[in-house]
Amino acid sequence: MASELNQNQLQLAGDLEIEMMTDLYKKMTNSCHKKCVIPRYKDAELTKAESVCIDRCVAKYMDVHDRIGKQLASMTVQQQSGVDVDPSKIVGSY
């Protein structure tokens, strides 16, 4: 019974992770496309400037996502250990 529960929890966690990564990819794609690609398409391929913009946008998006994840993990550890977390210090740490 306990192993069955663990299997269900692992499956649920895996499904949730896939859903979150899909959402991240979708938001990143929409955001970087809106920012970097000119709405009127002249060519079938991206221009050099568009490609560079998209590369930078994706790198920044992933960097911020990574920083937020680390900060949330740190807050969780602090809360579990009973340390009070000051929200104003979290925002300023970036």
PDB file of N, CA and C in Angstrom:
ATOM      1  N   MET A   1       0.820  -1.194   0.000  1.00  0.00           N
ATOM      2  CA  MET A   1       0.000   0.000   0.000  1.00  0.00           C
ATOM      3  C   MET A   1       0.866   1.261   0.000  1.00  0.00           C
ATOM      4  N   ALA A   2       1.911   1.295   0.852  1.00  0.00           N
ATOM      5  CA  ALA A   2       2.778   2.472   0.934  1.00  0.00           C
ATOM      6  C   ALA A   2       3.549   2.674  -0.362  1.00  0.00           C
ATOM      7  N   SER A   3       3.991   1.569  -0.969  1.00  0.00           N
ATOM      8  CA  SER A   3       4.734   1.707  -2.220  1.00  0.00           C
ATOM      9  C   SER A   3       3.812   2.167  -3.345  1.00  0.00           C
ATOM     10  N   GLU A   4       2.568   1.764  -3.283  1.00  0.00           N
ATOM     11  CA  GLU A   4       1.582   2.205  -4.276  1.00  0.00           C
ATOM     12  C   GLU A   4       1.347   3.706  -4.139  1.00  0.00           C
ATOM     13  N   LEU A   5       1.294   4.194  -2.897  1.00  0.00           N
ATOM     14  CA  LEU A   5       1.118   5.614  -2.638  1.00  0.00           C
ATOM     15  C   LEU A   5       2.324   6.392  -3.153  1.00  0.00           C
ATOM     16  N   ASN A   6       3.525   5.883  -2.908  1.00  0.00           N
ATOM     17  CA  ASN A   6       4.730   6.543  -3.399  1.00  0.00           C
ATOM     18  C   ASN A   6       4.752   6.599  -4.919  1.00  0.00           C
ATOM     19  N   GLN A   7       4.331   5.527  -5.579  1.00  0.00           N
ATOM     20  CA  GLN A   7       4.262   5.506  -7.044  1.00  0.00           C
ATOM     21  C   GLN A   7       3.295   6.571  -7.547  1.00  0.00           C
ATOM     22  N   ASN A   8       2.144   6.681  -6.895  1.00  0.00           N
ATOM     23  CA  ASN A   8       1.162   7.687  -7.288  1.00  0.00           C
ATOM     24  C   ASN A   8       1.698   9.099  -7.069  1.00  0.00           C
ATOM     25  N   GLN A   9       2.401   9.304  -5.951  1.00  0.00           N
ATOM     26  CA  GLN A   9       2.982  10.612  -5.677  1.00  0.00           C
ATOM     27  C   GLN A   9       4.060  10.955  -6.697  1.00  0.00           C
ATOM     28  N   LEU A  10       4.891   9.979  -7.037  1.00  0.00           N
ATOM     29  CA  LEU A  10       5.929  10.207  -8.043  1.00  0.00           C
ATOM     30  C   LEU A  10       5.319  10.516  -9.407  1.00  0.00           C
ATOM     31  N   GLN A  11       4.277   9.804  -9.765  1.00  0.00           N
ATOM     32  CA  GLN A  11       3.598  10.050 -11.039  1.00  0.00           C
ATOM     33  C   GLN A  11       2.995  11.449 -11.062  1.00  0.00           C
ATOM     34  N   LEU A  12       2.349  11.826  -9.971  1.00  0.00           N
ATOM     35  CA  LEU A  12       1.744  13.152  -9.864  1.00  0.00           C
ATOM     36  C   LEU A  12       2.819  14.235  -9.939  1.00  0.00           C
ATOM     37  N   ALA A  13       3.927  14.047  -9.234  1.00  0.00           N
ATOM     38  CA  ALA A  13       5.025  15.018  -9.263  1.00  0.00           C
ATOM     39  C   ALA A  13       5.614  15.130 -10.669  1.00  0.00           C
ATOM     40  N   GLY A  14       5.766  14.002 -11.344  1.00  0.00           N
ATOM     41  CA  GLY A  14       6.282  14.020 -12.719  1.00  0.00           C
ATOM     42  C   GLY A  14       5.338  14.736 -13.665  1.00  0.00           C
ATOM     43  N   ASP A  15       4.055  14.470 -13.526  1.00  0.00           N
ATOM     44  CA  ASP A  15       3.057  15.140 -14.365  1.00  0.00           C
ATOM     45  C   ASP A  15       3.045  16.640 -14.117  1.00  0.00           C
ATOM     46  N   LEU A  16       3.156  17.022 -12.853  1.00  0.00           N
ATOM     47  CA  LEU A  16       3.174  18.439 -12.507  1.00  0.00           C
ATOM     48  C   LEU A  16       4.419  19.123 -13.068  1.00  0.00           C
ATOM     49  N   GLU A  17       5.543  18.448 -12.993  1.00  0.00           N
ATOM     50  CA  GLU A  17       6.785  19.024 -13.537  1.00  0.00           C
ATOM     51  C   GLU A  17       6.683  19.215 -15.053  1.00  0.00           C
ATOM     52  N   ILE A  18       6.130  18.257 -15.743  1.00  0.00           N
ATOM     53  CA  ILE A  18       5.954  18.387 -17.194  1.00  0.00           C
ATOM     54  C   ILE A  18       5.027  19.546 -17.511  1.00  0.00           C
ATOM     55  N   GLU A  19       3.951  19.671 -16.757  1.00  0.00           N
ATOM     56  CA  GLU A  19       2.999  20.765 -16.978  1.00  0.00           C
ATOM     57  C   GLU A  19       3.661  22.122 -16.731  1.00  0.00           C
ATOM     58  N   MET A  20       4.462  22.215 -15.673  1.00  0.00           N
ATOM     59  CA  MET A  20       5.136  23.472 -15.361  1.00  0.00           C
ATOM     60  C   MET A  20       6.185  23.818 -16.422  1.00  0.00           C
ATOM     61  N   MET A  21       6.930  22.847 -16.894  1.00  0.00           N
ATOM     62  CA  MET A  21       7.935  23.108 -17.931  1.00  0.00           C
ATOM     63  C   MET A  21       7.276  23.491 -19.251  1.00  0.00           C
ATOM     64  N   THR A  22       6.151  22.865 -19.557  1.00  0.00           N
ATOM     65  CA  THR A  22       5.408  23.222 -20.766  1.00  0.00           C
ATOM     66  C   THR A  22       4.918  24.658 -20.676  1.00  0.00           C
ATOM     67  N   ASP A  23       4.418  25.047 -19.516  1.00  0.00           N
ATOM     68  CA  ASP A  23       3.949  26.411 -19.297  1.00  0.00           C
ATOM     69  C   ASP A  23       5.107  27.403 -19.406  1.00  0.00           C
ATOM     70  N   LEU A  24       6.251  27.064 -18.811  1.00  0.00           N
ATOM     71  CA  LEU A  24       7.435  27.918 -18.895  1.00  0.00           C
ATOM     72  C   LEU A  24       7.845  28.120 -20.354  1.00  0.00           C
ATOM     73  N   TYR A  25       7.903  27.041 -21.116  1.00  0.00           N
ATOM     74  CA  TYR A  25       8.309  27.120 -22.511  1.00  0.00           C
ATOM     75  C   TYR A  25       7.336  27.983 -23.314  1.00  0.00           C
ATOM     76  N   LYS A  26       6.053  27.781 -23.060  1.00  0.00           N
ATOM     77  CA  LYS A  26       5.025  28.538 -23.786  1.00  0.00           C
ATOM     78  C   LYS A  26       5.127  30.030 -23.484  1.00  0.00           C
ATOM     79  N   LYS A  27       5.274  30.383 -22.208  1.00  0.00           N
ATOM     80  CA  LYS A  27       5.385  31.791 -21.826  1.00  0.00           C
ATOM     81  C   LYS A  27       6.665  32.416 -22.372  1.00  0.00           C
ATOM     82  N   MET A  28       7.778  31.675 -22.290  1.00  0.00           N
ATOM     83  CA  MET A  28       9.048  32.180 -22.791  1.00  0.00           C
ATOM     84  C   MET A  28       8.982  32.396 -24.301  1.00  0.00           C
ATOM     85  N   THR A  29       8.411  31.443 -25.006  1.00  0.00           N
ATOM     86  CA  THR A  29       8.294  31.554 -26.457  1.00  0.00           C
ATOM     87  C   THR A  29       7.466  32.772 -26.844  1.00  0.00           C
ATOM     88  N   ASN A  30       6.316  32.920 -26.209  1.00  0.00           N
ATOM     89  CA  ASN A  30       5.445  34.064 -26.521  1.00  0.00           C
ATOM     90  C   ASN A  30       6.121  35.386 -26.193  1.00  0.00           C
ATOM     91  N   SER A  31       6.751  35.463 -25.033  1.00  0.00           N
ATOM     92  CA  SER A  31       7.397  36.695 -24.598  1.00  0.00           C
ATOM     93  C   SER A  31       8.546  37.084 -25.522  1.00  0.00           C
ATOM     94  N   CYS A  32       9.425  36.137 -25.812  1.00  0.00           N
ATOM     95  CA  CYS A  32      10.589  36.438 -26.653  1.00  0.00           C
ATOM     96  C   CYS A  32      10.178  36.694 -28.107  1.00  0.00           C
ATOM     97  N   HIS A  33       9.165  36.003 -28.582  1.00  0.00           N
ATOM     98  CA  HIS A  33       8.693  36.237 -29.955  1.00  0.00           C
ATOM     99  C   HIS A  33       8.127  37.642 -30.073  1.00  0.00           C
ATOM    100  N   LYS A  34       7.309  38.034 -29.095  1.00  0.00           N
ATOM    101  CA  LYS A  34       6.701  39.366 -29.114  1.00  0.00           C
ATOM    102  C   LYS A  34       7.774  40.454 -29.052  1.00  0.00           C
ATOM    103  N   LYS A  35       8.816  40.213 -28.263  1.00  0.00           N
ATOM    104  CA  LYS A  35       9.866  41.197 -28.075  1.00  0.00           C
ATOM    105  C   LYS A  35      10.822  41.284 -29.263  1.00  0.00           C
ATOM    106  N   CYS A  36      11.116  40.148 -29.893  1.00  0.00           N
ATOM    107  CA  CYS A  36      12.233  40.094 -30.846  1.00  0.00           C
ATOM    108  C   CYS A  36      11.863  39.988 -32.325  1.00  0.00           C
ATOM    109  N   VAL A  37      10.689  39.475 -32.625  1.00  0.00           N
ATOM    110  CA  VAL A  37      10.355  39.215 -34.025  1.00  0.00           C
ATOM    111  C   VAL A  37       9.367  40.269 -34.516  1.00  0.00           C
ATOM    112  N   ILE A  38       9.735  40.930 -35.599  1.00  0.00           N
ATOM    113  CA  ILE A  38       8.885  41.965 -36.193  1.00  0.00           C
ATOM    114  C   ILE A  38       7.595  41.316 -36.703  1.00  0.00           C
ATOM    115  N   PRO A  39       6.437  41.916 -36.380  1.00  0.00           N
ATOM    116  CA  PRO A  39       5.153  41.296 -36.763  1.00  0.00           C
ATOM    117  C   PRO A  39       4.966  41.077 -38.273  1.00  0.00           C
ATOM    118  N   ARG A  40       5.553  41.937 -39.082  1.00  0.00           N
ATOM    119  CA  ARG A  40       5.433  41.749 -40.534  1.00  0.00           C
ATOM    120  C   ARG A  40       6.583  40.872 -41.016  1.00  0.00           C
ATOM    121  N   TYR A  41       6.253  39.668 -41.416  1.00  0.00           N
ATOM    122  CA  TYR A  41       7.284  38.736 -41.871  1.00  0.00           C
ATOM    123  C   TYR A  41       7.687  39.059 -43.301  1.00  0.00           C
ATOM    124  N   LYS A  42       8.984  39.318 -43.493  1.00  0.00           N
ATOM    125  CA  LYS A  42       9.510  39.579 -44.830  1.00  0.00           C
ATOM    126  C   LYS A  42      10.190  38.338 -45.390  1.00  0.00           C
ATOM    127  N   ASP A  43      10.846  37.594 -44.519  1.00  0.00           N
ATOM    128  CA  ASP A  43      11.608  36.415 -44.919  1.00  0.00           C
ATOM    129  C   ASP A  43      11.096  35.187 -44.177  1.00  0.00           C
ATOM    130  N   ALA A  44      11.411  34.033 -44.743  1.00  0.00           N
ATOM    131  CA  ALA A  44      11.038  32.777 -44.085  1.00  0.00           C
ATOM    132  C   ALA A  44      11.943  32.489 -42.896  1.00  0.00           C
ATOM    133  N   GLU A  45      13.138  33.057 -42.901  1.00  0.00           N
ATOM    134  CA  GLU A  45      14.122  32.827 -41.840  1.00  0.00           C
ATOM    135  C   GLU A  45      14.220  34.054 -40.939  1.00  0.00           C
ATOM    136  N   LEU A  46      14.683  33.842 -39.713  1.00  0.00           N
ATOM    137  CA  LEU A  46      14.931  34.961 -38.811  1.00  0.00           C
ATOM    138  C   LEU A  46      16.137  35.757 -39.297  1.00  0.00           C
ATOM    139  N   THR A  47      16.097  37.063 -39.044  1.00  0.00           N
ATOM    140  CA  THR A  47      17.267  37.872 -39.359  1.00  0.00           C
ATOM    141  C   THR A  47      18.320  37.646 -38.273  1.00  0.00           C
ATOM    142  N   LYS A  48      19.525  38.105 -38.527  1.00  0.00           N
ATOM    143  CA  LYS A  48      20.606  37.980 -37.550  1.00  0.00           C
ATOM    144  C   LYS A  48      20.230  38.696 -36.255  1.00  0.00           C
ATOM    145  N   ALA A  49      19.671  39.892 -36.371  1.00  0.00           N
ATOM    146  CA  ALA A  49      19.285  40.671 -35.192  1.00  0.00           C
ATOM    147  C   ALA A  49      18.193  39.956 -34.391  1.00  0.00           C
ATOM    148  N   GLU A  50      17.226  39.375 -35.084  1.00  0.00           N
ATOM    149  CA  GLU A  50      16.159  38.641 -34.404  1.00  0.00           C
ATOM    150  C   GLU A  50      16.722  37.421 -33.674  1.00  0.00           C
ATOM    151  N   SER A  51      17.631  36.718 -34.319  1.00  0.00           N
ATOM    152  CA  SER A  51      18.241  35.533 -33.710  1.00  0.00           C
ATOM    153  C   SER A  51      19.023  35.891 -32.451  1.00  0.00           C
ATOM    154  N   VAL A  52      19.801  36.959 -32.522  1.00  0.00           N
ATOM    155  CA  VAL A  52      20.580  37.404 -31.371  1.00  0.00           C
ATOM    156  C   VAL A  52      19.641  37.827 -30.245  1.00  0.00           C
ATOM    157  N   CYS A  53      18.592  38.565 -30.586  1.00  0.00           N
ATOM    158  CA  CYS A  53      17.616  39.007 -29.586  1.00  0.00           C
ATOM    159  C   CYS A  53      16.958  37.808 -28.906  1.00  0.00           C
ATOM    160  N   ILE A  54      16.568  36.828 -29.675  1.00  0.00           N
ATOM    161  CA  ILE A  54      15.916  35.641 -29.113  1.00  0.00           C
ATOM    162  C   ILE A  54      16.887  34.876 -28.213  1.00  0.00           C
ATOM    163  N   ASP A  55      18.132  34.729 -28.650  1.00  0.00           N
ATOM    164  CA  ASP A  55      19.137  34.054 -27.812  1.00  0.00           C
ATOM    165  C   ASP A  55      19.284  34.747 -26.463  1.00  0.00           C
ATOM    166  N   ARG A  56      19.390  36.069 -26.488  1.00  0.00           N
ATOM    167  CA  ARG A  56      19.544  36.822 -25.244  1.00  0.00           C
ATOM    168  C   ARG A  56      18.285  36.744 -24.388  1.00  0.00           C
ATOM    169  N   CYS A  57      17.140  36.855 -25.027  1.00  0.00           N
ATOM    170  CA  CYS A  57      15.869  36.808 -24.307  1.00  0.00           C
ATOM    171  C   CYS A  57      15.696  35.466 -23.591  1.00  0.00           C
ATOM    172  N   VAL A  58      15.967  34.382 -24.300  1.00  0.00           N
ATOM    173  CA  VAL A  58      15.831  33.048 -23.705  1.00  0.00           C
ATOM    174  C   VAL A  58      16.823  32.874 -22.556  1.00  0.00           C
ATOM    175  N   ALA A  59      18.058  33.342 -22.746  1.00  0.00           N
ATOM    176  CA  ALA A  59      19.064  33.227 -21.688  1.00  0.00           C
ATOM    177  C   ALA A  59      18.630  33.997 -20.443  1.00  0.00           C
ATOM    178  N   LYS A  60      18.123  35.209 -20.628  1.00  0.00           N
ATOM    179  CA  LYS A  60      17.662  36.009 -19.487  1.00  0.00           C
ATOM    180  C   LYS A  60      16.454  35.364 -18.825  1.00  0.00           C
ATOM    181  N   TYR A  61      15.529  34.890 -19.620  1.00  0.00           N
ATOM    182  CA  TYR A  61      14.315  34.264 -19.084  1.00  0.00           C
ATOM    183  C   TYR A  61      14.688  33.057 -18.228  1.00  0.00           C
ATOM    184  N   MET A  62      15.588  32.224 -18.738  1.00  0.00           N
ATOM    185  CA  MET A  62      15.996  31.027 -17.997  1.00  0.00           C
ATOM    186  C   MET A  62      16.807  31.397 -16.752  1.00  0.00           C
ATOM    187  N   ASP A  63      17.641  32.436 -16.846  1.00  0.00           N
ATOM    188  CA  ASP A  63      18.412  32.883 -15.694  1.00  0.00           C
ATOM    189  C   ASP A  63      17.482  33.355 -14.578  1.00  0.00           C
ATOM    190  N   VAL A  64      16.492  34.154 -14.930  1.00  0.00           N
ATOM    191  CA  VAL A  64      15.540  34.645 -13.932  1.00  0.00           C
ATOM    192  C   VAL A  64      14.748  33.476 -13.350  1.00  0.00           C
ATOM    193  N   HIS A  65      14.338  32.549 -14.189  1.00  0.00           N
ATOM    194  CA  HIS A  65      13.602  31.376 -13.723  1.00  0.00           C
ATOM    195  C   HIS A  65      14.451  30.578 -12.723  1.00  0.00           C
ATOM    196  N   ASP A  66      15.714  30.409 -13.034  1.00  0.00           N
ATOM    197  CA  ASP A  66      16.635  29.684 -12.148  1.00  0.00           C
ATOM    198  C   ASP A  66      16.812  30.427 -10.822  1.00  0.00           C
ATOM    199  N   ARG A  67      16.995  31.750 -10.881  1.00  0.00           N
ATOM    200  CA  ARG A  67      17.169  32.542  -9.660  1.00  0.00           C
ATOM    201  C   ARG A  67      15.930  32.477  -8.774  1.00  0.00           C
ATOM    202  N   ILE A  68      14.775  32.585  -9.379  1.00  0.00           N
ATOM    203  CA  ILE A  68      13.530  32.531  -8.611  1.00  0.00           C
ATOM    204  C   ILE A  68      13.381  31.158  -7.959  1.00  0.00           C
ATOM    205  N   GLY A  69      13.684  30.103  -8.707  1.00  0.00           N
ATOM    206  CA  GLY A  69      13.609  28.755  -8.154  1.00  0.00           C
ATOM    207  C   GLY A  69      14.522  28.574  -6.964  1.00  0.00           C
ATOM    208  N   LYS A  70      15.746  29.067  -7.071  1.00  0.00           N
ATOM    209  CA  LYS A  70      16.700  28.963  -5.961  1.00  0.00           C
ATOM    210  C   LYS A  70      16.236  29.774  -4.760  1.00  0.00           C
ATOM    211  N   GLN A  71      15.694  30.967  -5.025  1.00  0.00           N
ATOM    212  CA  GLN A  71      15.218  31.812  -3.926  1.00  0.00           C
ATOM    213  C   GLN A  71      14.021  31.165  -3.231  1.00  0.00           C
ATOM    214  N   LEU A  72      13.106  30.593  -3.992  1.00  0.00           N
ATOM    215  CA  LEU A  72      11.954  29.915  -3.402  1.00  0.00           C
ATOM    216  C   LEU A  72      12.394  28.701  -2.581  1.00  0.00           C
ATOM    217  N   ALA A  73      13.379  27.972  -3.081  1.00  0.00           N
ATOM    218  CA  ALA A  73      13.894  26.822  -2.326  1.00  0.00           C
ATOM    219  C   ALA A  73      14.532  27.287  -1.023  1.00  0.00           C
ATOM    220  N   SER A  74      15.272  28.383  -1.085  1.00  0.00           N
ATOM    221  CA  SER A  74      15.904  28.934   0.111  1.00  0.00           C
ATOM    222  C   SER A  74      14.851  29.392   1.117  1.00  0.00           C
ATOM    223  N   MET A  75      13.810  30.046   0.633  1.00  0.00           N
ATOM    224  CA  MET A  75      12.724  30.484   1.524  1.00  0.00           C
ATOM    225  C   MET A  75      12.048  29.291   2.180  1.00  0.00           C
ATOM    226  N   THR A  76      11.831  28.230   1.422  1.00  0.00           N
ATOM    227  CA  THR A  76      11.194  27.027   1.956  1.00  0.00           C
ATOM    228  C   THR A  76      12.043  26.427   3.068  1.00  0.00           C
ATOM    229  N   VAL A  77      13.347  26.332   2.848  1.00  0.00           N
ATOM    230  CA  VAL A  77      14.250  25.785   3.863  1.00  0.00           C
ATOM    231  C   VAL A  77      14.231  26.663   5.108  1.00  0.00           C
ATOM    232  N   GLN A  78      14.263  27.980   4.919  1.00  0.00           N
ATOM    233  CA  GLN A  78      14.245  28.895   6.052  1.00  0.00           C
ATOM    234  C   GLN A  78      12.937  28.777   6.837  1.00  0.00           C
ATOM    235  N   GLN A  79      11.829  28.665   6.126  1.00  0.00           N
ATOM    236  CA  GLN A  79      10.536  28.540   6.793  1.00  0.00           C
ATOM    237  C   GLN A  79      10.436  27.221   7.549  1.00  0.00           C
ATOM    238  N   GLN A  80      10.970  26.166   6.973  1.00  0.00           N
ATOM    239  CA  GLN A  80      10.927  24.868   7.639  1.00  0.00           C
ATOM    240  C   GLN A  80      11.819  24.840   8.869  1.00  0.00           C
ATOM    241  N   SER A  81      12.880  25.644   8.861  1.00  0.00           N
ATOM    242  CA  SER A  81      13.773  25.672  10.019  1.00  0.00           C
ATOM    243  C   SER A  81      13.326  26.696  11.055  1.00  0.00           C
ATOM    244  N   GLY A  82      12.229  27.406  10.766  1.00  0.00           N
ATOM    245  CA  GLY A  82      11.669  28.339  11.730  1.00  0.00           C
ATOM    246  C   GLY A  82      12.243  29.735  11.663  1.00  0.00           C
ATOM    247  N   VAL A  83      13.027  30.042  10.638  1.00  0.00           N
ATOM    248  CA  VAL A  83      13.607  31.370  10.488  1.00  0.00           C
ATOM    249  C   VAL A  83      12.591  32.253   9.776  1.00  0.00           C
ATOM    250  N   ASP A  84      12.366  33.472  10.320  1.00  0.00           N
ATOM    251  CA  ASP A  84      11.453  34.406   9.660  1.00  0.00           C
ATOM    252  C   ASP A  84      12.104  34.943   8.402  1.00  0.00           C
ATOM    253  N   VAL A  85      11.309  35.040   7.333  1.00  0.00           N
ATOM    254  CA  VAL A  85      11.800  35.532   6.056  1.00  0.00           C
ATOM    255  C   VAL A  85      11.230  36.923   5.829  1.00  0.00           C
ATOM    256  N   ASP A  86      12.109  37.898   5.581  1.00  0.00           N
ATOM    257  CA  ASP A  86      11.684  39.267   5.298  1.00  0.00           C
ATOM    258  C   ASP A  86      11.525  39.413   3.790  1.00  0.00           C
ATOM    259  N   PRO A  87      10.270  39.557   3.284  1.00  0.00           N
ATOM    260  CA  PRO A  87      10.040  39.639   1.837  1.00  0.00           C
ATOM    261  C   PRO A  87      10.784  40.787   1.161  1.00  0.00           C
ATOM    262  N   SER A  88      11.016  41.895   1.842  1.00  0.00           N
ATOM    263  CA  SER A  88      11.712  43.019   1.215  1.00  0.00           C
ATOM    264  C   SER A  88      13.156  42.671   0.887  1.00  0.00           C
ATOM    265  N   LYS A  89      13.758  41.795   1.651  1.00  0.00           N
ATOM    266  CA  LYS A  89      15.142  41.383   1.386  1.00  0.00           C
ATOM    267  C   LYS A  89      15.218  40.444   0.191  1.00  0.00           C
ATOM    268  N   ILE A  90      14.167  39.697  -0.059  1.00  0.00           N
ATOM    269  CA  ILE A  90      14.146  38.756  -1.174  1.00  0.00           C
ATOM    270  C   ILE A  90      14.133  39.503  -2.495  1.00  0.00           C
ATOM    271  N   VAL A  91      13.265  40.493  -2.615  1.00  0.00           N
ATOM    272  CA  VAL A  91      13.154  41.253  -3.861  1.00  0.00           C
ATOM    273  C   VAL A  91      14.457  41.978  -4.146  1.00  0.00           C
ATOM    274  N   GLY A  92      15.095  42.534  -3.130  1.00  0.00           N
ATOM    275  CA  GLY A  92      16.322  43.281  -3.327  1.00  0.00           C
ATOM    276  C   GLY A  92      17.537  42.429  -3.611  1.00  0.00           C
ATOM    277  N   SER A  93      17.432  41.114  -3.479  1.00  0.00           N
ATOM    278  CA  SER A  93      18.609  40.262  -3.653  1.00  0.00           C
ATOM    279  C   SER A  93      18.958  40.029  -5.108  1.00  0.00           C
ATOM    280  N   TYR A  94      18.120  40.460  -6.022  1.00  0.00           N
ATOM    281  CA  TYR A  94      18.423  40.304  -7.444  1.00  0.00           C
ATOM    282  C   TYR A  94      19.158  41.491  -7.904  1.00  0.00           C
TER     283      TYR A  94
END
